[in-house]
N, C-alpha and C. Protein backbone atom coordinates (compact mmCIF):
# COMPACT_ATOMS: atom_id res chain seq x y z
N MET A 1 40.16 26.95 10.13
CA MET A 1 38.90 26.22 10.14
C MET A 1 38.47 25.97 11.58
N LYS A 2 37.18 26.08 11.83
CA LYS A 2 36.66 25.89 13.19
C LYS A 2 36.63 24.41 13.58
N LEU A 3 36.74 24.16 14.87
CA LEU A 3 36.75 22.80 15.42
C LEU A 3 35.51 22.56 16.26
N PHE A 4 35.22 21.28 16.50
CA PHE A 4 34.16 20.90 17.44
C PHE A 4 34.67 19.75 18.30
N ASP A 5 34.02 19.55 19.45
CA ASP A 5 34.37 18.45 20.34
C ASP A 5 33.70 17.18 19.86
N LEU A 6 34.45 16.08 19.85
CA LEU A 6 33.93 14.80 19.37
C LEU A 6 34.23 13.71 20.37
N SER A 7 33.22 12.91 20.68
CA SER A 7 33.38 11.75 21.55
C SER A 7 32.71 10.56 20.87
N ILE A 8 33.49 9.50 20.65
CA ILE A 8 32.96 8.26 20.08
C ILE A 8 33.24 7.15 21.09
N THR A 9 32.19 6.52 21.58
CA THR A 9 32.35 5.47 22.59
C THR A 9 31.55 4.23 22.21
N THR A 10 32.02 3.10 22.72
CA THR A 10 31.27 1.85 22.64
C THR A 10 30.88 1.49 24.07
N MET A 11 30.25 0.38 24.25
CA MET A 11 29.90 -0.06 25.59
C MET A 11 31.15 -0.40 26.40
N ASP A 12 32.24 -0.72 25.71
CA ASP A 12 33.47 -1.17 26.38
C ASP A 12 34.51 -0.08 26.60
N LYS A 13 34.61 0.88 25.65
CA LYS A 13 35.71 1.82 25.73
C LYS A 13 35.45 3.09 24.93
N VAL A 14 36.30 4.09 25.17
CA VAL A 14 36.28 5.32 24.41
C VAL A 14 37.16 5.11 23.18
N ILE A 15 36.60 5.34 22.00
CA ILE A 15 37.33 5.14 20.74
C ILE A 15 38.06 6.42 20.34
N TYR A 16 37.39 7.56 20.47
CA TYR A 16 37.99 8.85 20.12
C TYR A 16 37.41 9.91 21.04
N GLU A 17 38.27 10.75 21.57
CA GLU A 17 37.86 11.86 22.43
C GLU A 17 38.77 13.03 22.12
N GLY A 18 38.22 14.10 21.56
CA GLY A 18 39.04 15.26 21.25
C GLY A 18 38.37 16.17 20.25
N LYS A 19 39.16 17.06 19.68
CA LYS A 19 38.67 18.02 18.68
C LYS A 19 38.67 17.37 17.30
N ALA A 20 37.83 17.91 16.42
CA ALA A 20 37.78 17.43 15.04
C ALA A 20 37.43 18.58 14.11
N LEU A 21 37.90 18.48 12.87
CA LEU A 21 37.54 19.43 11.82
C LEU A 21 36.27 18.99 11.11
N SER A 22 36.13 17.66 10.91
CA SER A 22 34.94 17.14 10.24
C SER A 22 34.70 15.69 10.66
N LEU A 23 33.48 15.26 10.43
CA LEU A 23 33.06 13.89 10.75
C LEU A 23 32.06 13.46 9.69
N VAL A 24 32.23 12.26 9.17
CA VAL A 24 31.25 11.67 8.25
C VAL A 24 30.79 10.36 8.88
N VAL A 25 29.45 10.22 9.01
CA VAL A 25 28.86 9.09 9.73
C VAL A 25 27.80 8.43 8.85
N PRO A 26 27.74 7.07 8.85
CA PRO A 26 26.65 6.40 8.15
C PRO A 26 25.37 6.51 8.99
N ALA A 27 24.50 7.46 8.67
CA ALA A 27 23.30 7.73 9.47
C ALA A 27 22.09 7.00 8.88
N GLY A 28 20.98 7.13 9.56
CA GLY A 28 19.76 6.42 9.17
C GLY A 28 19.27 6.73 7.77
N LEU A 29 19.42 7.97 7.32
CA LEU A 29 18.94 8.35 5.99
C LEU A 29 20.07 8.51 4.97
N GLY A 30 21.25 7.99 5.30
CA GLY A 30 22.39 8.09 4.39
C GLY A 30 23.58 8.70 5.10
N SER A 31 24.63 8.94 4.38
CA SER A 31 25.85 9.47 4.94
C SER A 31 25.64 10.92 5.38
N MET A 32 26.09 11.23 6.61
CA MET A 32 25.90 12.57 7.17
C MET A 32 27.25 13.20 7.47
N GLY A 33 27.47 14.41 6.97
CA GLY A 33 28.69 15.15 7.25
C GLY A 33 28.46 16.18 8.33
N ILE A 34 29.40 16.28 9.27
CA ILE A 34 29.29 17.21 10.39
C ILE A 34 30.51 18.13 10.37
N LEU A 35 30.27 19.43 10.49
CA LEU A 35 31.31 20.44 10.67
C LEU A 35 30.98 21.25 11.92
N ALA A 36 31.89 22.12 12.33
CA ALA A 36 31.64 22.98 13.48
C ALA A 36 30.38 23.81 13.25
N ASP A 37 29.67 24.10 14.32
CA ASP A 37 28.44 24.90 14.31
C ASP A 37 27.29 24.22 13.56
N HIS A 38 27.32 22.89 13.47
CA HIS A 38 26.23 22.15 12.85
C HIS A 38 24.97 22.33 13.70
N MET A 39 23.83 22.33 13.07
CA MET A 39 22.57 22.45 13.81
C MET A 39 22.38 21.26 14.75
N PRO A 40 21.68 21.44 15.85
CA PRO A 40 21.42 20.32 16.77
C PRO A 40 20.62 19.23 16.07
N ILE A 41 21.01 17.99 16.33
CA ILE A 41 20.33 16.85 15.69
C ILE A 41 20.59 15.59 16.51
N ILE A 42 19.65 14.67 16.45
CA ILE A 42 19.83 13.31 16.98
C ILE A 42 19.50 12.37 15.84
N SER A 43 20.36 11.37 15.61
CA SER A 43 20.17 10.45 14.49
C SER A 43 20.65 9.06 14.88
N THR A 44 20.16 8.08 14.16
CA THR A 44 20.71 6.73 14.31
C THR A 44 22.01 6.63 13.51
N VAL A 45 22.86 5.70 13.92
CA VAL A 45 24.09 5.40 13.19
C VAL A 45 23.96 3.96 12.70
N GLU A 46 24.23 3.76 11.43
CA GLU A 46 24.09 2.45 10.80
C GLU A 46 25.45 1.80 10.58
N LYS A 47 25.45 0.56 10.10
CA LYS A 47 26.70 -0.12 9.75
C LYS A 47 27.38 0.63 8.62
N GLY A 48 28.70 0.70 8.67
CA GLY A 48 29.45 1.40 7.64
C GLY A 48 30.76 1.93 8.18
N THR A 49 31.22 3.05 7.65
CA THR A 49 32.51 3.62 8.02
C THR A 49 32.34 5.05 8.52
N ILE A 50 32.94 5.34 9.67
CA ILE A 50 33.02 6.70 10.21
C ILE A 50 34.37 7.27 9.80
N ALA A 51 34.37 8.50 9.28
CA ALA A 51 35.62 9.17 8.91
C ALA A 51 35.76 10.45 9.73
N ILE A 52 36.89 10.57 10.44
CA ILE A 52 37.18 11.72 11.29
C ILE A 52 38.37 12.46 10.70
N THR A 53 38.28 13.78 10.63
CA THR A 53 39.43 14.60 10.28
C THR A 53 39.83 15.37 11.53
N PRO A 54 40.87 14.90 12.23
CA PRO A 54 41.34 15.62 13.43
C PRO A 54 42.18 16.83 13.03
N PRO A 55 42.32 17.82 13.91
CA PRO A 55 43.04 19.04 13.54
C PRO A 55 44.54 18.87 13.34
N ASP A 56 45.15 17.88 13.94
CA ASP A 56 46.61 17.73 13.89
C ASP A 56 47.05 16.53 13.06
N TYR A 57 46.25 16.11 12.08
CA TYR A 57 46.53 14.92 11.31
C TYR A 57 46.42 15.27 9.83
N GLU A 58 47.28 14.73 9.02
CA GLU A 58 47.31 15.06 7.60
C GLU A 58 46.25 14.33 6.77
N GLY A 59 45.54 13.39 7.36
CA GLY A 59 44.54 12.63 6.62
C GLY A 59 43.31 12.41 7.46
N LYS A 60 42.63 11.31 7.22
CA LYS A 60 41.43 10.97 7.97
C LYS A 60 41.66 9.71 8.79
N ILE A 61 40.97 9.63 9.90
CA ILE A 61 40.92 8.40 10.70
C ILE A 61 39.62 7.72 10.34
N THR A 62 39.67 6.44 9.98
CA THR A 62 38.45 5.72 9.64
C THR A 62 38.20 4.62 10.66
N LEU A 63 36.94 4.47 11.00
CA LEU A 63 36.49 3.45 11.95
C LEU A 63 35.37 2.66 11.32
N SER A 64 35.34 1.37 11.56
CA SER A 64 34.29 0.53 11.02
C SER A 64 33.18 0.37 12.06
N VAL A 65 31.95 0.62 11.63
CA VAL A 65 30.78 0.45 12.50
C VAL A 65 30.15 -0.89 12.17
N LYS A 66 30.14 -1.79 13.14
CA LYS A 66 29.62 -3.13 12.90
C LYS A 66 28.18 -3.30 13.38
N GLY A 67 27.72 -2.39 14.22
CA GLY A 67 26.35 -2.43 14.72
C GLY A 67 25.76 -1.05 14.72
N GLY A 68 24.54 -0.91 15.16
CA GLY A 68 23.87 0.38 15.18
C GLY A 68 24.25 1.21 16.39
N GLY A 69 23.86 2.46 16.36
CA GLY A 69 24.12 3.35 17.47
C GLY A 69 23.37 4.65 17.29
N TYR A 70 23.81 5.66 18.03
CA TYR A 70 23.16 6.97 17.99
C TYR A 70 24.19 8.08 17.90
N LEU A 71 23.77 9.21 17.35
CA LEU A 71 24.61 10.39 17.22
C LEU A 71 23.81 11.58 17.74
N GLN A 72 24.47 12.43 18.52
CA GLN A 72 23.84 13.66 18.98
C GLN A 72 24.78 14.82 18.70
N VAL A 73 24.25 15.89 18.11
CA VAL A 73 24.99 17.12 17.88
C VAL A 73 24.29 18.21 18.67
N SER A 74 25.04 18.89 19.54
CA SER A 74 24.46 19.96 20.35
C SER A 74 25.57 20.87 20.85
N ALA A 75 25.43 22.17 20.66
CA ALA A 75 26.35 23.17 21.19
C ALA A 75 27.80 22.88 20.80
N ASN A 76 28.03 22.57 19.54
CA ASN A 76 29.38 22.32 19.00
C ASN A 76 30.06 21.10 19.63
N LYS A 77 29.26 20.15 20.08
CA LYS A 77 29.77 18.90 20.62
C LYS A 77 29.01 17.76 19.95
N VAL A 78 29.76 16.77 19.48
CA VAL A 78 29.16 15.60 18.82
C VAL A 78 29.48 14.36 19.65
N THR A 79 28.45 13.60 19.95
CA THR A 79 28.61 12.35 20.70
C THR A 79 28.06 11.22 19.85
N VAL A 80 28.89 10.19 19.64
CA VAL A 80 28.48 8.99 18.90
C VAL A 80 28.60 7.81 19.85
N ILE A 81 27.51 7.08 20.01
CA ILE A 81 27.51 5.91 20.89
C ILE A 81 27.14 4.68 20.06
């Protein structure tokens, strides 16, 4: 399965930096799933749960989003702020 680069940061620290197989984000129009080679997009991130599937992990990493933010997908790199 193909991978993409993922960076999740807050104003204080880097939460996740590395490769991922998939990402599910609570976006402005509902839950958004991201895989490698996803089309370029910019979206808001809403309160909810982010789920990351890293390449070397048997399950998912889940993160709780307590405030809003933004997501950008471009050139096989995903940035969540």
